[in-house]
C-alpha atoms as a PDB file:
ATOM      1  CA  UNK A   1     119.663 138.276-228.472  1.00  0.00           C
ATOM      2  CA  UNK A   2     116.549 136.113-228.496  1.00  0.00           C
ATOM      3  CA  UNK A   3     113.142 137.596-227.755  1.00  0.00           C
ATOM      4  CA  UNK A   4     112.045 134.778-225.411  1.00  0.00           C
ATOM      5  CA  UNK A   5     114.826 133.286-223.315  1.00  0.00           C
ATOM      6  CA  UNK A   6     114.207 130.213-221.146  1.00  0.00           C
ATOM      7  CA  UNK A   7     117.097 129.029-218.993  1.00  0.00           C
ATOM      8  CA  UNK A   8     117.258 125.824-216.931  1.00  0.00           C
ATOM      9  CA  UNK A   9     113.584 125.777-215.992  1.00  0.00           C
ATOM     10  CA  UNK A  10     112.424 123.227-213.429  1.00  0.00           C
ATOM     11  CA  UNK A  11     108.886 123.005-212.085  1.00  0.00           C
ATOM     12  CA  UNK A  12     107.639 120.652-209.393  1.00  0.00           C
ATOM     13  CA  UNK A  13     104.364 120.359-207.516  1.00  0.00           C
ATOM     14  CA  UNK A  14     105.325 119.124-204.063  1.00  0.00           C
ATOM     15  CA  UNK A  15     107.633 116.171-204.592  1.00  0.00           C
ATOM     16  CA  UNK A  16     106.381 115.537-208.118  1.00  0.00           C
ATOM     17  CA  UNK A  17     108.630 116.922-210.876  1.00  0.00           C
ATOM     18  CA  UNK A  18     106.738 118.149-213.962  1.00  0.00           C
ATOM     19  CA  UNK A  19     109.431 119.635-216.203  1.00  0.00           C
ATOM     20  CA  UNK A  20     113.183 119.791-215.798  1.00  0.00           C
ATOM     21  CA  UNK A  21     116.173 121.361-217.555  1.00  0.00           C
ATOM     22  CA  UNK A  22     114.096 123.228-220.157  1.00  0.00           C
ATOM     23  CA  UNK A  23     116.116 125.665-222.268  1.00  0.00           C
ATOM     24  CA  UNK A  24     114.814 127.633-225.228  1.00  0.00           C
ATOM     25  CA  UNK A  25     115.559 130.686-227.352  1.00  0.00           C
ATOM     26  CA  UNK A  26     112.784 132.038-229.595  1.00  0.00           C
ATOM     27  CA  UNK A  27     112.993 135.005-231.947  1.00  0.00           C
ATOM     28  CA  UNK A  28     110.367 137.708-232.081  1.00  0.00           C
ATOM     29  CA  UNK A  29     107.597 136.759-234.492  1.00  0.00           C
ATOM     30  CA  UNK A  30     108.283 133.020-234.345  1.00  0.00           C
ATOM     31  CA  UNK A  31     105.426 130.534-234.112  1.00  0.00           C
ATOM     32  CA  UNK A  32     106.422 127.669-231.818  1.00  0.00           C
ATOM     33  CA  UNK A  33     104.184 124.590-231.707  1.00  0.00           C
ATOM     34  CA  UNK A  34     104.468 122.271-228.693  1.00  0.00           C
ATOM     35  CA  UNK A  35     103.485 118.613-228.847  1.00  0.00           C
ATOM     36  CA  UNK A  36     103.970 115.547-226.673  1.00  0.00           C
ATOM     37  CA  UNK A  37     102.227 112.831-224.726  1.00  0.00           C
ATOM     38  CA  UNK A  38      99.619 113.749-222.132  1.00  0.00           C
ATOM     39  CA  UNK A  39     101.088 114.717-218.759  1.00  0.00           C
ATOM     40  CA  UNK A  40     104.438 115.911-220.098  1.00  0.00           C
ATOM     41  CA  UNK A  41     104.165 119.462-218.829  1.00  0.00           C
ATOM     42  CA  UNK A  42     103.137 121.281-222.011  1.00  0.00           C
ATOM     43  CA  UNK A  43     100.380 123.322-220.354  1.00  0.00           C
ATOM     44  CA  UNK A  44     102.577 123.882-217.303  1.00  0.00           C
ATOM     45  CA  UNK A  45     105.196 125.401-219.597  1.00  0.00           C
ATOM     46  CA  UNK A  46     102.591 127.788-221.040  1.00  0.00           C
ATOM     47  CA  UNK A  47     101.562 128.891-217.550  1.00  0.00           C
ATOM     48  CA  UNK A  48     105.222 129.583-216.762  1.00  0.00           C
ATOM     49  CA  UNK A  49     105.566 131.660-219.932  1.00  0.00           C
ATOM     50  CA  UNK A  50     102.443 133.572-218.910  1.00  0.00           C
ATOM     51  CA  UNK A  51     103.896 134.088-215.407  1.00  0.00           C
ATOM     52  CA  UNK A  52     100.745 132.577-213.959  1.00  0.00           C
ATOM     53  CA  UNK A  53     103.150 130.248-212.161  1.00  0.00           C
ATOM     54  CA  UNK A  54     106.739 130.822-211.092  1.00  0.00           C
ATOM     55  CA  UNK A  55     109.292 128.081-211.721  1.00  0.00           C
ATOM     56  CA  UNK A  56     110.895 126.055-208.964  1.00  0.00           C
ATOM     57  CA  UNK A  57     114.213 126.895-210.575  1.00  0.00           C
ATOM     58  CA  UNK A  58     115.416 128.856-213.610  1.00  0.00           C
ATOM     59  CA  UNK A  59     114.406 132.055-215.416  1.00  0.00           C
ATOM     60  CA  UNK A  60     112.146 133.162-218.274  1.00  0.00           C
ATOM     61  CA  UNK A  61     112.737 136.551-219.888  1.00  0.00           C
ATOM     62  CA  UNK A  62     110.731 138.384-222.537  1.00  0.00           C
ATOM     63  CA  UNK A  63     112.685 140.901-224.613  1.00  0.00           C
ATOM     64  CA  UNK A  64     115.460 141.043-222.024  1.00  0.00           C
ATOM     65  CA  UNK A  65     113.195 142.228-219.203  1.00  0.00           C
ATOM     66  CA  UNK A  66     113.435 140.838-215.682  1.00  0.00           C
ATOM     67  CA  UNK A  67     111.414 137.652-215.131  1.00  0.00           C
ATOM     68  CA  UNK A  68     107.745 138.566-214.662  1.00  0.00           C
ATOM     69  CA  UNK A  69     106.113 137.963-211.299  1.00  0.00           C
ATOM     70  CA  UNK A  70     102.556 137.957-212.666  1.00  0.00           C
ATOM     71  CA  UNK A  71     100.731 137.990-216.036  1.00  0.00           C
ATOM     72  CA  UNK A  72     100.926 141.235-217.992  1.00  0.00           C
ATOM     73  CA  UNK A  73      99.263 142.834-221.018  1.00  0.00           C
ATOM     74  CA  UNK A  74     102.180 141.821-223.242  1.00  0.00           C
ATOM     75  CA  UNK A  75     101.065 138.187-222.975  1.00  0.00           C
ATOM     76  CA  UNK A  76      97.680 136.785-223.911  1.00  0.00           C
ATOM     77  CA  UNK A  77      96.391 133.250-223.514  1.00  0.00           C
ATOM     78  CA  UNK A  78      93.553 131.060-224.725  1.00  0.00           C
ATOM     79  CA  UNK A  79      93.053 127.880-222.712  1.00  0.00           C
ATOM     80  CA  UNK A  80      91.374 124.640-223.738  1.00  0.00           C
ATOM     81  CA  UNK A  81      88.083 125.799-222.235  1.00  0.00           C
ATOM     82  CA  UNK A  82      86.708 129.059-223.546  1.00  0.00           C
ATOM     83  CA  UNK A  83      86.605 131.996-221.153  1.00  0.00           C
ATOM     84  CA  UNK A  84      84.701 135.160-222.053  1.00  0.00           C
ATOM     85  CA  UNK A  85      82.757 137.837-220.190  1.00  0.00           C
ATOM     86  CA  UNK A  86      79.205 136.494-219.720  1.00  0.00           C
ATOM     87  CA  UNK A  87      77.703 139.919-218.930  1.00  0.00           C
ATOM     88  CA  UNK A  88      78.883 141.420-222.240  1.00  0.00           C
ATOM     89  CA  UNK A  89      77.511 140.858-225.714  1.00  0.00           C
ATOM     90  CA  UNK A  90      79.634 139.112-228.300  1.00  0.00           C
ATOM     91  CA  UNK A  91      80.618 142.429-229.880  1.00  0.00           C
ATOM     92  CA  UNK A  92      81.418 143.979-226.495  1.00  0.00           C
ATOM     93  CA  UNK A  93      83.692 141.039-225.703  1.00  0.00           C
ATOM     94  CA  UNK A  94      85.751 141.814-228.793  1.00  0.00           C
ATOM     95  CA  UNK A  95      85.850 145.528-227.935  1.00  0.00           C
ATOM     96  CA  UNK A  96      87.019 144.540-224.430  1.00  0.00           C
ATOM     97  CA  UNK A  97      89.857 142.576-226.018  1.00  0.00           C
ATOM     98  CA  UNK A  98      90.998 145.702-227.854  1.00  0.00           C
ATOM     99  CA  UNK A  99      90.702 147.818-224.704  1.00  0.00           C
ATOM    100  CA  UNK A 100      93.181 145.529-222.931  1.00  0.00           C
ATOM    101  CA  UNK A 101      95.950 147.197-224.913  1.00  0.00           C
ATOM    102  CA  UNK A 102      95.256 150.475-223.086  1.00  0.00           C
ATOM    103  CA  UNK A 103      94.895 148.952-219.648  1.00  0.00           C
ATOM    104  CA  UNK A 104      91.119 148.510-219.803  1.00  0.00           C
ATOM    105  CA  UNK A 105      90.478 152.021-221.083  1.00  0.00           C
ATOM    106  CA  UNK A 106      86.901 152.851-222.060  1.00  0.00           C
ATOM    107  CA  UNK A 107      85.915 154.013-225.527  1.00  0.00           C
ATOM    108  CA  UNK A 108      83.527 156.921-226.036  1.00  0.00           C
ATOM    109  CA  UNK A 109      82.108 158.824-229.000  1.00  0.00           C
ATOM    110  CA  UNK A 110      83.924 158.399-232.322  1.00  0.00           C
ATOM    111  CA  UNK A 111      86.601 156.034-230.873  1.00  0.00           C
ATOM    112  CA  UNK A 112      83.822 153.806-229.533  1.00  0.00           C
ATOM    113  CA  UNK A 113      82.077 153.699-232.912  1.00  0.00           C
ATOM    114  CA  UNK A 114      85.375 152.894-234.605  1.00  0.00           C
ATOM    115  CA  UNK A 115      86.094 150.123-232.074  1.00  0.00           C
ATOM    116  CA  UNK A 116      82.654 148.629-232.693  1.00  0.00           C
ATOM    117  CA  UNK A 117      83.274 148.715-236.458  1.00  0.00           C
ATOM    118  CA  UNK A 118      86.602 146.905-236.029  1.00  0.00           C
ATOM    119  CA  UNK A 119      84.923 144.392-233.729  1.00  0.00           C
ATOM    120  CA  UNK A 120      82.280 143.717-236.376  1.00  0.00           C
ATOM    121  CA  UNK A 121      85.021 143.047-238.938  1.00  0.00           C
ATOM    122  CA  UNK A 122      86.704 140.622-236.550  1.00  0.00           C
ATOM    123  CA  UNK A 123      83.419 138.837-235.867  1.00  0.00           C
ATOM    124  CA  UNK A 124      82.812 138.455-239.592  1.00  0.00           C
ATOM    125  CA  UNK A 125      86.224 136.832-240.001  1.00  0.00           C
ATOM    126  CA  UNK A 126      85.553 134.294-237.255  1.00  0.00           C
ATOM    127  CA  UNK A 127      81.970 133.688-238.332  1.00  0.00           C
ATOM    128  CA  UNK A 128      80.160 135.338-235.419  1.00  0.00           C
ATOM    129  CA  UNK A 129      78.908 138.587-236.950  1.00  0.00           C
ATOM    130  CA  UNK A 130      75.340 137.237-237.034  1.00  0.00           C
ATOM    131  CA  UNK A 131      75.308 136.882-233.208  1.00  0.00           C
ATOM    132  CA  UNK A 132      77.092 140.162-232.384  1.00  0.00           C
ATOM    133  CA  UNK A 133      74.316 141.387-230.081  1.00  0.00           C
ATOM    134  CA  UNK A 134      73.777 138.102-228.256  1.00  0.00           C
ATOM    135  CA  UNK A 135      75.341 137.013-224.986  1.00  0.00           C
ATOM    136  CA  UNK A 136      77.882 134.150-224.717  1.00  0.00           C
ATOM    137  CA  UNK A 137      75.432 131.909-222.815  1.00  0.00           C
ATOM    138  CA  UNK A 138      73.294 131.684-225.962  1.00  0.00           C
ATOM    139  CA  UNK A 139      76.191 130.346-228.075  1.00  0.00           C
ATOM    140  CA  UNK A 140      77.388 126.805-228.573  1.00  0.00           C
ATOM    141  CA  UNK A 141      80.676 125.705-226.989  1.00  0.00           C
ATOM    142  CA  UNK A 142      82.510 125.959-230.291  1.00  0.00           C
ATOM    143  CA  UNK A 143      81.167 129.447-230.922  1.00  0.00           C
ATOM    144  CA  UNK A 144      82.228 130.562-227.434  1.00  0.00           C
ATOM    145  CA  UNK A 145      85.726 129.244-228.096  1.00  0.00           C
ATOM    146  CA  UNK A 146      85.874 131.174-231.352  1.00  0.00           C
ATOM    147  CA  UNK A 147      84.884 134.286-229.398  1.00  0.00           C
ATOM    148  CA  UNK A 148      87.603 133.662-226.797  1.00  0.00           C
ATOM    149  CA  UNK A 149      90.232 133.277-229.533  1.00  0.00           C
ATOM    150  CA  UNK A 150      89.047 136.402-231.313  1.00  0.00           C
ATOM    151  CA  UNK A 151      89.082 138.373-228.065  1.00  0.00           C
ATOM    152  CA  UNK A 152      92.644 137.320-227.187  1.00  0.00           C
ATOM    153  CA  UNK A 153      93.976 138.012-230.670  1.00  0.00           C
ATOM    154  CA  UNK A 154      92.263 141.403-230.892  1.00  0.00           C
ATOM    155  CA  UNK A 155      94.261 142.525-227.839  1.00  0.00           C
ATOM    156  CA  UNK A 156      97.381 142.006-230.021  1.00  0.00           C
ATOM    157  CA  UNK A 157      99.769 140.838-227.305  1.00  0.00           C
ATOM    158  CA  UNK A 158     103.472 140.558-228.067  1.00  0.00           C
ATOM    159  CA  UNK A 159     103.363 136.907-226.968  1.00  0.00           C
ATOM    160  CA  UNK A 160     100.252 134.806-227.569  1.00  0.00           C
ATOM    161  CA  UNK A 161      99.890 131.494-225.724  1.00  0.00           C
ATOM    162  CA  UNK A 162      97.422 128.929-227.056  1.00  0.00           C
ATOM    163  CA  UNK A 163      96.514 125.737-225.198  1.00  0.00           C
ATOM    164  CA  UNK A 164      94.621 123.425-227.580  1.00  0.00           C
ATOM    165  CA  UNK A 165      92.626 126.404-228.904  1.00  0.00           C
ATOM    166  CA  UNK A 166      91.024 124.692-231.892  1.00  0.00           C
ATOM    167  CA  UNK A 167      89.995 121.376-230.330  1.00  0.00           C
ATOM    168  CA  UNK A 168      86.284 122.243-230.050  1.00  0.00           C
ATOM    169  CA  UNK A 169      85.926 123.618-233.581  1.00  0.00           C
ATOM    170  CA  UNK A 170      84.543 121.877-236.643  1.00  0.00           C
ATOM    171  CA  UNK A 171      87.056 121.273-239.497  1.00  0.00           C
ATOM    172  CA  UNK A 172      85.879 124.196-241.650  1.00  0.00           C
ATOM    173  CA  UNK A 173      85.930 126.709-238.811  1.00  0.00           C
ATOM    174  CA  UNK A 174      89.271 125.328-237.671  1.00  0.00           C
ATOM    175  CA  UNK A 175      90.804 126.088-241.075  1.00  0.00           C
ATOM    176  CA  UNK A 176      89.365 129.606-241.123  1.00  0.00           C
ATOM    177  CA  UNK A 177      90.800 130.220-237.638  1.00  0.00           C
ATOM    178  CA  UNK A 178      94.210 129.066-238.904  1.00  0.00           C
ATOM    179  CA  UNK A 179      94.010 131.749-241.594  1.00  0.00           C
ATOM    180  CA  UNK A 180      92.812 134.338-239.082  1.00  0.00           C
ATOM    181  CA  UNK A 181      95.708 133.552-236.761  1.00  0.00           C
ATOM    182  CA  UNK A 182      98.224 133.725-239.611  1.00  0.00           C
ATOM    183  CA  UNK A 183      96.848 137.105-240.719  1.00  0.00           C
ATOM    184  CA  UNK A 184      96.986 138.625-237.234  1.00  0.00           C
ATOM    185  CA  UNK A 185     100.449 137.263-236.703  1.00  0.00           C
ATOM    186  CA  UNK A 186     101.596 138.951-239.930  1.00  0.00           C
ATOM    187  CA  UNK A 187      99.928 142.205-238.909  1.00  0.00           C
ATOM    188  CA  UNK A 188     101.261 142.335-235.344  1.00  0.00           C
ATOM    189  CA  UNK A 189     104.551 140.406-235.478  1.00  0.00           C
ATOM    190  CA  UNK A 190     103.580 138.670-232.241  1.00  0.00           C
ATOM    191  CA  UNK A 191     105.381 135.570-231.019  1.00  0.00           C
ATOM    192  CA  UNK A 192     103.136 132.521-230.619  1.00  0.00           C
ATOM    193  CA  UNK A 193     103.443 129.375-228.508  1.00  0.00           C
ATOM    194  CA  UNK A 194     100.736 126.784-229.184  1.00  0.00           C
ATOM    195  CA  UNK A 195     100.141 123.459-227.460  1.00  0.00           C
ATOM    196  CA  UNK A 196      98.321 120.972-229.666  1.00  0.00           C
ATOM    197  CA  UNK A 197      97.808 117.222-229.937  1.00  0.00           C
ATOM    198  CA  UNK A 198      97.302 117.555-233.702  1.00  0.00           C
ATOM    199  CA  UNK A 199     100.718 117.067-235.320  1.00  0.00           C
ATOM    200  CA  UNK A 200      99.480 118.124-238.752  1.00  0.00           C
ATOM    201  CA  UNK A 201      98.275 121.389-237.224  1.00  0.00           C
ATOM    202  CA  UNK A 202     101.566 121.809-235.328  1.00  0.00           C
ATOM    203  CA  UNK A 203     103.640 121.553-238.489  1.00  0.00           C
ATOM    204  CA  UNK A 204     101.217 123.565-240.603  1.00  0.00           C
ATOM    205  CA  UNK A 205     101.153 126.607-238.311  1.00  0.00           C
ATOM    206  CA  UNK A 206     104.490 126.412-236.547  1.00  0.00           C
ATOM    207  CA  UNK A 207     107.889 127.639-237.644  1.00  0.00           C
ATOM    208  CA  UNK A 208     109.254 125.230-235.065  1.00  0.00           C
ATOM    209  CA  UNK A 209     107.788 122.158-233.380  1.00  0.00           C
ATOM    210  CA  UNK A 210     109.014 121.305-229.886  1.00  0.00           C
ATOM    211  CA  UNK A 211     108.483 117.825-228.489  1.00  0.00           C
ATOM    212  CA  UNK A 212     108.118 117.493-224.720  1.00  0.00           C
ATOM    213  CA  UNK A 213     108.925 114.045-223.337  1.00  0.00           C
ATOM    214  CA  UNK A 214     110.588 112.314-220.414  1.00  0.00           C
ATOM    215  CA  UNK A 215     114.118 111.253-221.351  1.00  0.00           C
ATOM    216  CA  UNK A 216     114.238 109.270-218.110  1.00  0.00           C
ATOM    217  CA  UNK A 217     111.412 106.849-217.434  1.00  0.00           C
ATOM    218  CA  UNK A 218     110.810 104.601-214.419  1.00  0.00           C
ATOM    219  CA  UNK A 219     108.121 102.013-215.284  1.00  0.00           C
ATOM    220  CA  UNK A 220     107.528 101.432-211.570  1.00  0.00           C
ATOM    221  CA  UNK A 221     107.093 105.143-210.838  1.00  0.00           C
ATOM    222  CA  UNK A 222     106.041 107.091-213.980  1.00  0.00           C
ATOM    223  CA  UNK A 223     105.989 110.388-212.040  1.00  0.00           C
ATOM    224  CA  UNK A 224     109.584 110.039-210.816  1.00  0.00           C
ATOM    225  CA  UNK A 225     111.059 112.339-213.470  1.00  0.00           C
ATOM    226  CA  UNK A 226     110.044 115.496-215.272  1.00  0.00           C
ATOM    227  CA  UNK A 227     109.787 116.166-219.001  1.00  0.00           C
ATOM    228  CA  UNK A 228     111.975 118.369-221.139  1.00  0.00           C
ATOM    229  CA  UNK A 229     112.343 119.400-224.781  1.00  0.00           C
ATOM    230  CA  UNK A 230     113.611 116.272-226.517  1.00  0.00           C
ATOM    231  CA  UNK A 231     113.283 117.483-230.130  1.00  0.00           C
ATOM    232  CA  UNK A 232     113.193 120.895-231.778  1.00  0.00           C
ATOM    233  CA  UNK A 233     112.093 120.577-235.424  1.00  0.00           C
ATOM    234  CA  UNK A 234     112.275 123.306-238.051  1.00  0.00           C
ATOM    235  CA  UNK A 235     108.754 123.008-239.450  1.00  0.00           C
ATOM    236  CA  UNK A 236     109.599 125.384-242.296  1.00  0.00           C
ATOM    237  CA  UNK A 237     111.767 122.608-243.746  1.00  0.00           C
ATOM    238  CA  UNK A 238     109.105 119.960-243.302  1.00  0.00           C
ATOM    239  CA  UNK A 239     110.349 118.719-239.925  1.00  0.00           C
ATOM    240  CA  UNK A 240     112.100 115.741-241.497  1.00  0.00           C
ATOM    241  CA  UNK A 241     111.178 112.870-239.105  1.00  0.00           C
ATOM    242  CA  UNK A 242     107.509 113.934-238.913  1.00  0.00           C
ATOM    243  CA  UNK A 243     106.082 110.436-239.454  1.00  0.00           C
ATOM    244  CA  UNK A 244     108.377 108.853-236.886  1.00  0.00           C
ATOM    245  CA  UNK A 245     107.416 111.549-234.400  1.00  0.00           C
ATOM    246  CA  UNK A 246     103.740 110.859-235.057  1.00  0.00           C
ATOM    247  CA  UNK A 247     104.201 107.115-234.519  1.00  0.00           C
ATOM    248  CA  UNK A 248     106.232 107.689-231.349  1.00  0.00           C
ATOM    249  CA  UNK A 249     103.619 109.914-229.727  1.00  0.00           C
ATOM    250  CA  UNK A 250     100.820 107.537-230.714  1.00  0.00           C
ATOM    251  CA  UNK A 251     102.685 104.692-228.994  1.00  0.00           C
ATOM    252  CA  UNK A 252     103.195 106.723-225.795  1.00  0.00           C
ATOM    253  CA  UNK A 253      99.527 107.769-225.581  1.00  0.00           C
ATOM    254  CA  UNK A 254      98.012 104.347-226.367  1.00  0.00           C
ATOM    255  CA  UNK A 255      96.601 102.699-223.207  1.00  0.00           C
END
């Protein structure tokens, strides 16, 4: 039995279909990258996995449980725009991420000191240990995004959802975050779904690469049909038609 089971998912906003007939089985611990042209429902699919939205039709199950009606602690997400707690220091934001695993429990005494020590280690790995006592408002956008990623990963959810998480980072920091994500994935065995427009990144990090596209296309009404999974590549074997995929997506996104 698969860990994440998606069956016949449709999602529409009013009369506008976004995705249709989406089916997927993912094993526990898999890293699934999601690519595709803009407007093909990739972020919508993540919100459905999170249970932030409920599908118009179909079901999504995690580990055989009933479909969730709202987001839970077993799923974490990092959106395109960083989101952290502005009233907490950088270190406290990381400690808050760890506390999510216990339902926002507070740490006191020795457990609090230990949590702060672990947070400092995390901050060192993502290059923010030198600003541990500062507040997010004093950080650059890229630094705040690093903090948001670190906070979400520290909570160690069973399913981690990433929506263009590395777009604001410089190349060096981006590579270090790749390593950080790989390490935490190995440590926790969490299942990851990541939306990205960077195909090299998709194939580097993912075990699988899903392509969302519209198999039906009306040039007179581009919003007439929804998108679905049109390709499912095994990235561990190099994702054979990688170059053709890259060229295809570039054509679809060129004005």
